[in-house]
Every structure is written in structure tokens, then in C-alpha cells.
Amino acid sequence: MRIPCPICGTENMKANLVSIKEDNKEYQMSLKTSDGTRKWYVCTGCNLVFCKDKIRNIWQYSPTTYTKLVSQGLISDRLGEE
């Protein structure tokens, strides 16, 4: 089953999400939040890391992905807002 990337999946049809592997620098962080309600993926196109929250049925960004997207102006910095 193909899971399109929330960022580049509409422009790059070959980009899809695959389960995060041990060699990814954010793998250890994914283990810390692994409680059975979240599944972590990395995009084969843009190499950004995402988390599917099964309880709320939403996609979330990893901390590194969030920082990259804010610095590129693709999303607004909601953490910095008051």
C-alpha cells in the first residue's frame, strides 16, 4: 500500500512513506514515543520524518522535520506563537 508524503507526495508520485529504520538519526526518538498509538515513517523523496497518530488520526512532524519546514517557510511556527 502506497502512503503518499504529506509534503511532496502530490508533486512527486514516486515519493512515499516507509517505516523508519534503525539507521535514521530520529529512530531513537521514535522508540521513546512508541506506545502502540504512533507509527513513524520517513519519506523516500524528501527524507522528512512523520508520525501517524492512530488515536487522533492525524499526521505529525518529527522535531527535525518541523524545524526544516518552518525554516523553509512551508509551515508557520506554531510553537513560537503566543
PDB file of N, CA and C in Angstrom:
ATOM      1  N   MET A   1       0.831  -1.180   0.000  1.00  0.00           N
ATOM      2  CA  MET A   1       0.000   0.000   0.000  1.00  0.00           C
ATOM      3  C   MET A   1       0.880   1.250   0.000  1.00  0.00           C
ATOM      4  N   ARG A   2       0.608   2.164  -0.906  1.00  0.00           N
ATOM      5  CA  ARG A   2       1.376   3.398  -1.012  1.00  0.00           C
ATOM      6  C   ARG A   2       0.811   4.438  -0.055  1.00  0.00           C
ATOM      7  N   ILE A   3       1.700   5.039   0.741  1.00  0.00           N
ATOM      8  CA  ILE A   3       1.315   6.132   1.627  1.00  0.00           C
ATOM      9  C   ILE A   3       2.017   7.373   1.101  1.00  0.00           C
ATOM     10  N   PRO A   4       1.280   8.304   0.476  1.00  0.00           N
ATOM     11  CA  PRO A   4       1.929   9.495  -0.078  1.00  0.00           C
ATOM     12  C   PRO A   4       2.445  10.414   1.023  1.00  0.00           C
ATOM     13  N   CYS A   5       3.545  11.055   0.742  1.00  0.00           N
ATOM     14  CA  CYS A   5       4.141  12.008   1.678  1.00  0.00           C
ATOM     15  C   CYS A   5       3.232  13.228   1.807  1.00  0.00           C
ATOM     16  N   PRO A   6       2.971  13.706   3.039  1.00  0.00           N
ATOM     17  CA  PRO A   6       2.139  14.896   3.217  1.00  0.00           C
ATOM     18  C   PRO A   6       2.760  16.172   2.622  1.00  0.00           C
ATOM     19  N   ILE A   7       4.063  16.182   2.400  1.00  0.00           N
ATOM     20  CA  ILE A   7       4.730  17.377   1.875  1.00  0.00           C
ATOM     21  C   ILE A   7       4.976  17.289   0.373  1.00  0.00           C
ATOM     22  N   CYS A   8       5.621  16.239  -0.095  1.00  0.00           N
ATOM     23  CA  CYS A   8       5.991  16.179  -1.513  1.00  0.00           C
ATOM     24  C   CYS A   8       5.237  15.104  -2.300  1.00  0.00           C
ATOM     25  N   GLY A   9       4.348  14.387  -1.667  1.00  0.00           N
ATOM     26  CA  GLY A   9       3.653  13.278  -2.323  1.00  0.00           C
ATOM     27  C   GLY A   9       2.741  13.673  -3.466  1.00  0.00           C
ATOM     28  N   THR A  10       2.219  14.902  -3.453  1.00  0.00           N
ATOM     29  CA  THR A  10       1.350  15.314  -4.549  1.00  0.00           C
ATOM     30  C   THR A  10       2.149  15.724  -5.776  1.00  0.00           C
ATOM     31  N   GLU A  11       3.358  16.251  -5.576  1.00  0.00           N
ATOM     32  CA  GLU A  11       4.209  16.662  -6.692  1.00  0.00           C
ATOM     33  C   GLU A  11       5.078  15.517  -7.202  1.00  0.00           C
ATOM     34  N   ASN A  12       5.491  14.650  -6.320  1.00  0.00           N
ATOM     35  CA  ASN A  12       6.391  13.555  -6.665  1.00  0.00           C
ATOM     36  C   ASN A  12       5.658  12.235  -6.411  1.00  0.00           C
ATOM     37  N   MET A  13       5.100  11.667  -7.436  1.00  0.00           N
ATOM     38  CA  MET A  13       4.296  10.452  -7.276  1.00  0.00           C
ATOM     39  C   MET A  13       5.130   9.244  -6.831  1.00  0.00           C
ATOM     40  N   LYS A  14       6.452   9.317  -6.965  1.00  0.00           N
ATOM     41  CA  LYS A  14       7.313   8.218  -6.513  1.00  0.00           C
ATOM     42  C   LYS A  14       7.669   8.352  -5.039  1.00  0.00           C
ATOM     43  N   ALA A  15       7.390   9.519  -4.460  1.00  0.00           N
ATOM     44  CA  ALA A  15       7.697   9.743  -3.049  1.00  0.00           C
ATOM     45  C   ALA A  15       6.601   9.128  -2.196  1.00  0.00           C
ATOM     46  N   ASN A  16       6.998   8.244  -1.309  1.00  0.00           N
ATOM     47  CA  ASN A  16       6.032   7.664  -0.382  1.00  0.00           C
ATOM     48  C   ASN A  16       6.689   7.427   0.961  1.00  0.00           C
ATOM     49  N   LEU A  17       5.877   7.131   1.934  1.00  0.00           N
ATOM     50  CA  LEU A  17       6.376   6.936   3.289  1.00  0.00           C
ATOM     51  C   LEU A  17       6.640   5.459   3.537  1.00  0.00           C
ATOM     52  N   VAL A  18       7.798   5.190   4.151  1.00  0.00           N
ATOM     53  CA  VAL A  18       8.164   3.839   4.561  1.00  0.00           C
ATOM     54  C   VAL A  18       8.512   3.883   6.048  1.00  0.00           C
ATOM     55  N   SER A  19       8.402   2.764   6.700  1.00  0.00           N
ATOM     56  CA  SER A  19       8.716   2.703   8.133  1.00  0.00           C
ATOM     57  C   SER A  19      10.137   3.176   8.391  1.00  0.00           C
ATOM     58  N   ILE A  20      10.294   3.915   9.473  1.00  0.00           N
ATOM     59  CA  ILE A  20      11.609   4.439   9.837  1.00  0.00           C
ATOM     60  C   ILE A  20      12.535   3.272  10.206  1.00  0.00           C
ATOM     61  N   LYS A  21      13.782   3.372   9.792  1.00  0.00           N
ATOM     62  CA  LYS A  21      14.770   2.313  10.032  1.00  0.00           C
ATOM     63  C   LYS A  21      15.755   2.723  11.121  1.00  0.00           C
ATOM     64  N   GLU A  22      16.474   1.750  11.639  1.00  0.00           N
ATOM     65  CA  GLU A  22      17.424   1.980  12.731  1.00  0.00           C
ATOM     66  C   GLU A  22      18.541   2.947  12.369  1.00  0.00           C
ATOM     67  N   ASP A  23      18.884   3.052  11.092  1.00  0.00           N
ATOM     68  CA  ASP A  23      19.992   3.930  10.704  1.00  0.00           C
ATOM     69  C   ASP A  23      19.574   5.400  10.586  1.00  0.00           C
ATOM     70  N   ASN A  24      18.286   5.694  10.739  1.00  0.00           N
ATOM     71  CA  ASN A  24      17.812   7.078  10.706  1.00  0.00           C
ATOM     72  C   ASN A  24      18.146   7.754  12.033  1.00  0.00           C
ATOM     73  N   LYS A  25      18.595   9.015  11.961  1.00  0.00           N
ATOM     74  CA  LYS A  25      19.012   9.715  13.183  1.00  0.00           C
ATOM     75  C   LYS A  25      17.851   9.960  14.148  1.00  0.00           C
ATOM     76  N   GLU A  26      16.623   9.880  13.669  1.00  0.00           N
ATOM     77  CA  GLU A  26      15.472  10.096  14.547  1.00  0.00           C
ATOM     78  C   GLU A  26      14.838   8.787  15.018  1.00  0.00           C
ATOM     79  N   TYR A  27      15.471   7.681  14.741  1.00  0.00           N
ATOM     80  CA  TYR A  27      14.932   6.379  15.131  1.00  0.00           C
ATOM     81  C   TYR A  27      14.803   6.245  16.650  1.00  0.00           C
ATOM     82  N   GLN A  28      15.828   6.670  17.390  1.00  0.00           N
ATOM     83  CA  GLN A  28      15.790   6.551  18.854  1.00  0.00           C
ATOM     84  C   GLN A  28      14.652   7.373  19.445  1.00  0.00           C
ATOM     85  N   MET A  29      14.405   8.552  18.866  1.00  0.00           N
ATOM     86  CA  MET A  29      13.301   9.374  19.325  1.00  0.00           C
ATOM     87  C   MET A  29      11.972   8.666  19.059  1.00  0.00           C
ATOM     88  N   SER A  30      11.874   7.976  17.951  1.00  0.00           N
ATOM     89  CA  SER A  30      10.638   7.260  17.632  1.00  0.00           C
ATOM     90  C   SER A  30      10.388   6.133  18.629  1.00  0.00           C
ATOM     91  N   LEU A  31      11.452   5.527  19.132  1.00  0.00           N
ATOM     92  CA  LEU A  31      11.297   4.468  20.136  1.00  0.00           C
ATOM     93  C   LEU A  31      10.759   5.023  21.453  1.00  0.00           C
ATOM     94  N   LYS A  32      11.159   6.244  21.783  1.00  0.00           N
ATOM     95  CA  LYS A  32      10.715   6.851  23.037  1.00  0.00           C
ATOM     96  C   LYS A  32       9.211   7.132  23.036  1.00  0.00           C
ATOM     97  N   THR A  33       8.652   7.340  21.867  1.00  0.00           N
ATOM     98  CA  THR A  33       7.221   7.626  21.779  1.00  0.00           C
ATOM     99  C   THR A  33       6.429   6.421  21.282  1.00  0.00           C
ATOM    100  N   SER A  34       7.073   5.286  21.217  1.00  0.00           N
ATOM    101  CA  SER A  34       6.417   4.081  20.708  1.00  0.00           C
ATOM    102  C   SER A  34       5.570   3.441  21.807  1.00  0.00           C
ATOM    103  N   ASP A  35       4.281   3.755  21.778  1.00  0.00           N
ATOM    104  CA  ASP A  35       3.365   3.188  22.771  1.00  0.00           C
ATOM    105  C   ASP A  35       2.232   2.407  22.110  1.00  0.00           C
ATOM    106  N   GLY A  36       2.372   2.139  20.813  1.00  0.00           N
ATOM    107  CA  GLY A  36       1.351   1.406  20.076  1.00  0.00           C
ATOM    108  C   GLY A  36       0.327   2.305  19.417  1.00  0.00           C
ATOM    109  N   THR A  37       0.348   3.597  19.732  1.00  0.00           N
ATOM    110  CA  THR A  37      -0.618   4.515  19.131  1.00  0.00           C
ATOM    111  C   THR A  37       0.013   5.370  18.041  1.00  0.00           C
ATOM    112  N   ARG A  38       1.330   5.283  17.871  1.00  0.00           N
ATOM    113  CA  ARG A  38       2.020   6.078  16.858  1.00  0.00           C
ATOM    114  C   ARG A  38       2.894   5.179  16.000  1.00  0.00           C
ATOM    115  N   LYS A  39       2.950   5.496  14.717  1.00  0.00           N
ATOM    116  CA  LYS A  39       3.826   4.779  13.786  1.00  0.00           C
ATOM    117  C   LYS A  39       4.643   5.825  13.044  1.00  0.00           C
ATOM    118  N   TRP A  40       5.960   5.605  12.974  1.00  0.00           N
ATOM    119  CA  TRP A  40       6.891   6.573  12.397  1.00  0.00           C
ATOM    120  C   TRP A  40       7.300   6.161  10.997  1.00  0.00           C
ATOM    121  N   TYR A  41       7.381   7.157  10.113  1.00  0.00           N
ATOM    122  CA  TYR A  41       7.716   6.943   8.708  1.00  0.00           C
ATOM    123  C   TYR A  41       8.739   7.978   8.257  1.00  0.00           C
ATOM    124  N   VAL A  42       9.467   7.625   7.200  1.00  0.00           N
ATOM    125  CA  VAL A  42      10.368   8.555   6.532  1.00  0.00           C
ATOM    126  C   VAL A  42       9.983   8.566   5.054  1.00  0.00           C
ATOM    127  N   CYS A  43      10.067   9.736   4.431  1.00  0.00           N
ATOM    128  CA  CYS A  43       9.695   9.879   3.030  1.00  0.00           C
ATOM    129  C   CYS A  43      10.863   9.470   2.137  1.00  0.00           C
ATOM    130  N   THR A  44      10.572   8.710   1.099  1.00  0.00           N
ATOM    131  CA  THR A  44      11.613   8.284   0.154  1.00  0.00           C
ATOM    132  C   THR A  44      12.013   9.411  -0.784  1.00  0.00           C
ATOM    133  N   GLY A  45      11.226  10.483  -0.844  1.00  0.00           N
ATOM    134  CA  GLY A  45      11.534  11.599  -1.727  1.00  0.00           C
ATOM    135  C   GLY A  45      12.277  12.719  -1.036  1.00  0.00           C
ATOM    136  N   CYS A  46      11.697  13.261   0.036  1.00  0.00           N
ATOM    137  CA  CYS A  46      12.282  14.427   0.707  1.00  0.00           C
ATOM    138  C   CYS A  46      13.039  14.068   1.989  1.00  0.00           C
ATOM    139  N   ASN A  47      12.983  12.831   2.421  1.00  0.00           N
ATOM    140  CA  ASN A  47      13.670  12.326   3.619  1.00  0.00           C
ATOM    141  C   ASN A  47      13.194  12.961   4.918  1.00  0.00           C
ATOM    142  N   LEU A  48      12.006  13.554   4.917  1.00  0.00           N
ATOM    143  CA  LEU A  48      11.442  14.094   6.144  1.00  0.00           C
ATOM    144  C   LEU A  48      10.764  12.973   6.927  1.00  0.00           C
ATOM    145  N   VAL A  49      10.633  13.161   8.246  1.00  0.00           N
ATOM    146  CA  VAL A  49      10.102  12.113   9.122  1.00  0.00           C
ATOM    147  C   VAL A  49       8.737  12.550   9.668  1.00  0.00           C
ATOM    148  N   PHE A  50       7.792  11.621   9.610  1.00  0.00           N
ATOM    149  CA  PHE A  50       6.420  11.890  10.036  1.00  0.00           C
ATOM    150  C   PHE A  50       5.949  10.792  10.976  1.00  0.00           C
ATOM    151  N   CYS A  51       4.943  11.138  11.756  1.00  0.00           N
ATOM    152  CA  CYS A  51       4.354  10.199  12.697  1.00  0.00           C
ATOM    153  C   CYS A  51       2.852  10.172  12.461  1.00  0.00           C
ATOM    154  N   LYS A  52       2.300   8.977  12.343  1.00  0.00           N
ATOM    155  CA  LYS A  52       0.848   8.834  12.231  1.00  0.00           C
ATOM    156  C   LYS A  52       0.310   8.530  13.621  1.00  0.00           C
ATOM    157  N   ASP A  53      -0.484   9.459  14.152  1.00  0.00           N
ATOM    158  CA  ASP A  53      -1.127   9.273  15.451  1.00  0.00           C
ATOM    159  C   ASP A  53      -2.424   8.527  15.197  1.00  0.00           C
ATOM    160  N   LYS A  54      -2.472   7.268  15.601  1.00  0.00           N
ATOM    161  CA  LYS A  54      -3.621   6.413  15.314  1.00  0.00           C
ATOM    162  C   LYS A  54      -4.853   6.791  16.125  1.00  0.00           C
ATOM    163  N   ILE A  55      -4.669   7.348  17.304  1.00  0.00           N
ATOM    164  CA  ILE A  55      -5.796   7.725  18.157  1.00  0.00           C
ATOM    165  C   ILE A  55      -6.530   8.937  17.574  1.00  0.00           C
ATOM    166  N   ARG A  56      -5.773   9.983  17.260  1.00  0.00           N
ATOM    167  CA  ARG A  56      -6.382  11.207  16.728  1.00  0.00           C
ATOM    168  C   ARG A  56      -6.513  11.188  15.208  1.00  0.00           C
ATOM    169  N   ASN A  57      -5.916  10.189  14.559  1.00  0.00           N
ATOM    170  CA  ASN A  57      -5.952  10.035  13.107  1.00  0.00           C
ATOM    171  C   ASN A  57      -5.406  11.275  12.390  1.00  0.00           C
ATOM    172  N   ILE A  58      -4.224  11.712  12.847  1.00  0.00           N
ATOM    173  CA  ILE A  58      -3.565  12.867  12.236  1.00  0.00           C
ATOM    174  C   ILE A  58      -2.101  12.543  11.974  1.00  0.00           C
ATOM    175  N   TRP A  59      -1.509  13.293  11.052  1.00  0.00           N
ATOM    176  CA  TRP A  59      -0.078  13.222  10.807  1.00  0.00           C
ATOM    177  C   TRP A  59       0.609  14.282  11.643  1.00  0.00           C
ATOM    178  N   GLN A  60       1.736  13.917  12.233  1.00  0.00           N
ATOM    179  CA  GLN A  60       2.550  14.855  12.989  1.00  0.00           C
ATOM    180  C   GLN A  60       3.952  14.855  12.407  1.00  0.00           C
ATOM    181  N   TYR A  61       4.689  15.945  12.646  1.00  0.00           N
ATOM    182  CA  TYR A  61       6.065  16.075  12.181  1.00  0.00           C
ATOM    183  C   TYR A  61       7.019  15.684  13.295  1.00  0.00           C
ATOM    184  N   SER A  62       8.161  15.128  12.906  1.00  0.00           N
ATOM    185  CA  SER A  62       9.223  14.928  13.890  1.00  0.00           C
ATOM    186  C   SER A  62       9.788  16.311  14.219  1.00  0.00           C
ATOM    187  N   PRO A  63      10.500  16.456  15.330  1.00  0.00           N
ATOM    188  CA  PRO A  63      11.084  17.766  15.665  1.00  0.00           C
ATOM    189  C   PRO A  63      12.003  18.316  14.565  1.00  0.00           C
ATOM    190  N   THR A  64      12.831  17.472  13.987  1.00  0.00           N
ATOM    191  CA  THR A  64      13.742  17.918  12.931  1.00  0.00           C
ATOM    192  C   THR A  64      12.970  18.333  11.686  1.00  0.00           C
ATOM    193  N   THR A  65      11.953  17.557  11.327  1.00  0.00           N
ATOM    194  CA  THR A  65      11.128  17.886  10.169  1.00  0.00           C
ATOM    195  C   THR A  65      10.397  19.205  10.389  1.00  0.00           C
ATOM    196  N   TYR A  66       9.855  19.402  11.576  1.00  0.00           N
ATOM    197  CA  TYR A  66       9.156  20.646  11.905  1.00  0.00           C
ATOM    198  C   TYR A  66      10.094  21.837  11.733  1.00  0.00           C
ATOM    199  N   THR A  67      11.292  21.739  12.265  1.00  0.00           N
ATOM    200  CA  THR A  67      12.268  22.822  12.175  1.00  0.00           C
ATOM    201  C   THR A  67      12.614  23.121  10.723  1.00  0.00           C
ATOM    202  N   LYS A  68      12.814  22.085   9.911  1.00  0.00           N
ATOM    203  CA  LYS A  68      13.136  22.287   8.490  1.00  0.00           C
ATOM    204  C   LYS A  68      11.983  22.969   7.757  1.00  0.00           C
ATOM    205  N   LEU A  69      10.763  22.535   8.002  1.00  0.00           N
ATOM    206  CA  LEU A  69       9.613  23.102   7.308  1.00  0.00           C
ATOM    207  C   LEU A  69       9.375  24.557   7.705  1.00  0.00           C
ATOM    208  N   VAL A  70       9.592  24.891   8.978  1.00  0.00           N
ATOM    209  CA  VAL A  70       9.460  26.280   9.426  1.00  0.00           C
ATOM    210  C   VAL A  70      10.546  27.134   8.792  1.00  0.00           C
ATOM    211  N   SER A  71      11.793  26.648   8.777  1.00  0.00           N
ATOM    212  CA  SER A  71      12.898  27.437   8.218  1.00  0.00           C
ATOM    213  C   SER A  71      12.743  27.647   6.716  1.00  0.00           C
ATOM    214  N   GLN A  72      12.072  26.721   6.029  1.00  0.00           N
ATOM    215  CA  GLN A  72      11.836  26.868   4.583  1.00  0.00           C
ATOM    216  C   GLN A  72      10.572  27.674   4.292  1.00  0.00           C
ATOM    217  N   GLY A  73       9.836  28.039   5.337  1.00  0.00           N
ATOM    218  CA  GLY A  73       8.619  28.825   5.168  1.00  0.00           C
ATOM    219  C   GLY A  73       7.424  28.026   4.672  1.00  0.00           C
ATOM    220  N   LEU A  74       7.501  26.710   4.749  1.00  0.00           N
ATOM    221  CA  LEU A  74       6.398  25.876   4.271  1.00  0.00           C
ATOM    222  C   LEU A  74       5.260  25.769   5.277  1.00  0.00           C
ATOM    223  N   ILE A  75       5.582  25.951   6.564  1.00  0.00           N
ATOM    224  CA  ILE A  75       4.556  25.991   7.609  1.00  0.00           C
ATOM    225  C   ILE A  75       4.904  27.125   8.563  1.00  0.00           C
ATOM    226  N   SER A  76       3.909  27.616   9.281  1.00  0.00           N
ATOM    227  CA  SER A  76       4.184  28.675  10.256  1.00  0.00           C
ATOM    228  C   SER A  76       4.642  28.050  11.572  1.00  0.00           C
ATOM    229  N   ASP A  77       5.402  28.812  12.316  1.00  0.00           N
ATOM    230  CA  ASP A  77       5.936  28.346  13.592  1.00  0.00           C
ATOM    231  C   ASP A  77       4.876  28.493  14.674  1.00  0.00           C
ATOM    232  N   ARG A  78       4.110  27.452  14.885  1.00  0.00           N
ATOM    233  CA  ARG A  78       3.030  27.494  15.872  1.00  0.00           C
ATOM    234  C   ARG A  78       3.569  27.374  17.303  1.00  0.00           C
ATOM    235  N   LEU A  79       4.777  26.852  17.449  1.00  0.00           N
ATOM    236  CA  LEU A  79       5.363  26.724  18.783  1.00  0.00           C
ATOM    237  C   LEU A  79       5.867  28.066  19.289  1.00  0.00           C
ATOM    238  N   GLY A  80       6.240  28.952  18.379  1.00  0.00           N
ATOM    239  CA  GLY A  80       6.754  30.246  18.757  1.00  0.00           C
ATOM    240  C   GLY A  80       5.689  31.293  18.979  1.00  0.00           C
ATOM    241  N   GLU A  81       4.444  30.949  18.629  1.00  0.00           N
ATOM    242  CA  GLU A  81       3.356  31.906  18.791  1.00  0.00           C
ATOM    243  C   GLU A  81       2.950  32.018  20.243  1.00  0.00           C
ATOM    244  N   GLU A  82       2.466  33.176  20.620  1.00  0.00           N
ATOM    245  CA  GLU A  82       1.993  33.388  21.992  1.00  0.00           C
ATOM    246  C   GLU A  82       0.502  33.376  22.029  1.00  0.00           C
TER     247      GLU A  82
END
